Amino acid sequence: MTISTAAEPVAIDAALLARARRAGVDVAATCHAALARATEEAGRAVQRSESAAAITEWNDWAGSPPTG
């Protein structure tokens, strides 16, 4: 099964979708929430990566011995 959005179609396992609907899951709201959380997590991952790079740069500049 494919759910179409204005942006792009997304394939969803038909059996999983049917099981979710039988269980009373609001599939659209659940997908929305999952995408929102994934976007937030991706943003935090970028921040962590930028922080790690800044720390490495500072340690190189300050002459600190590498850790890890």
Protein backbone atom coordinates (compact mmCIF):
# COMPACT_ATOMS: atom_id res chain seq x y z
CA MET A 1 0.00 0.00 0.00
CA THR A 2 1.16 3.51 -0.70
CA ILE A 3 0.08 6.68 1.03
CA SER A 4 0.43 9.68 -1.22
CA THR A 5 1.27 13.11 0.02
CA ALA A 6 1.76 16.29 -1.92
CA ALA A 7 5.50 15.72 -1.70
CA GLU A 8 6.01 12.03 -2.41
CA PRO A 9 4.38 8.61 -2.01
CA VAL A 10 5.38 6.55 1.02
CA ALA A 11 5.13 2.76 1.03
CA ILE A 12 3.46 1.27 4.10
CA ASP A 13 3.15 -2.43 4.86
CA ALA A 14 -0.51 -3.24 4.18
CA ALA A 15 -0.72 -5.87 6.95
CA LEU A 16 0.78 -3.48 9.50
CA LEU A 17 -1.58 -0.72 8.43
CA ALA A 18 -4.59 -3.04 8.75
CA ARG A 19 -3.44 -4.24 12.16
CA ALA A 20 -2.98 -0.66 13.35
CA ARG A 21 -6.42 0.34 12.13
CA ARG A 22 -8.02 -2.69 13.83
CA ALA A 23 -6.27 -1.67 17.05
CA GLY A 24 -7.75 1.81 16.77
CA VAL A 25 -4.47 3.55 15.99
CA ASP A 26 -4.78 6.96 14.35
CA VAL A 27 -2.28 6.18 11.61
CA ALA A 28 -2.04 9.72 10.24
CA ALA A 29 -1.44 11.23 13.68
CA THR A 30 1.08 8.53 14.54
CA CYS A 31 2.99 9.09 11.30
CA HIS A 32 2.93 12.84 11.88
CA ALA A 33 4.26 12.44 15.41
CA ALA A 34 6.97 10.01 14.26
CA LEU A 35 8.13 12.39 11.53
CA ALA A 36 8.18 15.31 13.96
CA ARG A 37 10.25 13.32 16.44
CA ALA A 38 12.64 12.09 13.73
CA THR A 39 13.14 15.67 12.55
CA GLU A 40 13.88 16.81 16.10
CA GLU A 41 16.31 13.93 16.62
CA ALA A 42 18.09 14.74 13.36
CA GLY A 43 18.47 18.34 14.49
CA ARG A 44 19.95 17.21 17.79
CA ALA A 45 22.33 14.87 15.97
CA VAL A 46 23.59 17.79 13.90
CA GLN A 47 24.09 19.84 17.07
CA ARG A 48 26.01 16.99 18.72
CA SER A 49 28.19 16.61 15.65
CA GLU A 50 28.89 20.34 15.51
CA SER A 51 29.70 20.38 19.22
CA ALA A 52 32.08 17.45 18.87
CA ALA A 53 33.81 19.14 15.95
CA ALA A 54 34.14 22.38 17.92
CA ILE A 55 35.59 20.53 20.91
CA THR A 56 38.07 18.74 18.66
CA GLU A 57 39.06 22.02 17.05
CA TRP A 58 39.49 23.66 20.44
CA ASN A 59 41.58 20.75 21.72
CA ASP A 60 43.78 20.95 18.62
CA TRP A 61 44.20 24.68 19.03
CA ALA A 62 44.80 24.49 22.77
CA GLY A 63 47.22 21.61 22.44
CA SER A 64 45.19 19.32 24.65
CA PRO A 65 45.94 15.64 24.31
CA PRO A 66 43.26 13.70 22.44
CA THR A 67 40.85 11.63 24.51
CA GLY A 68 38.99 8.49 23.64
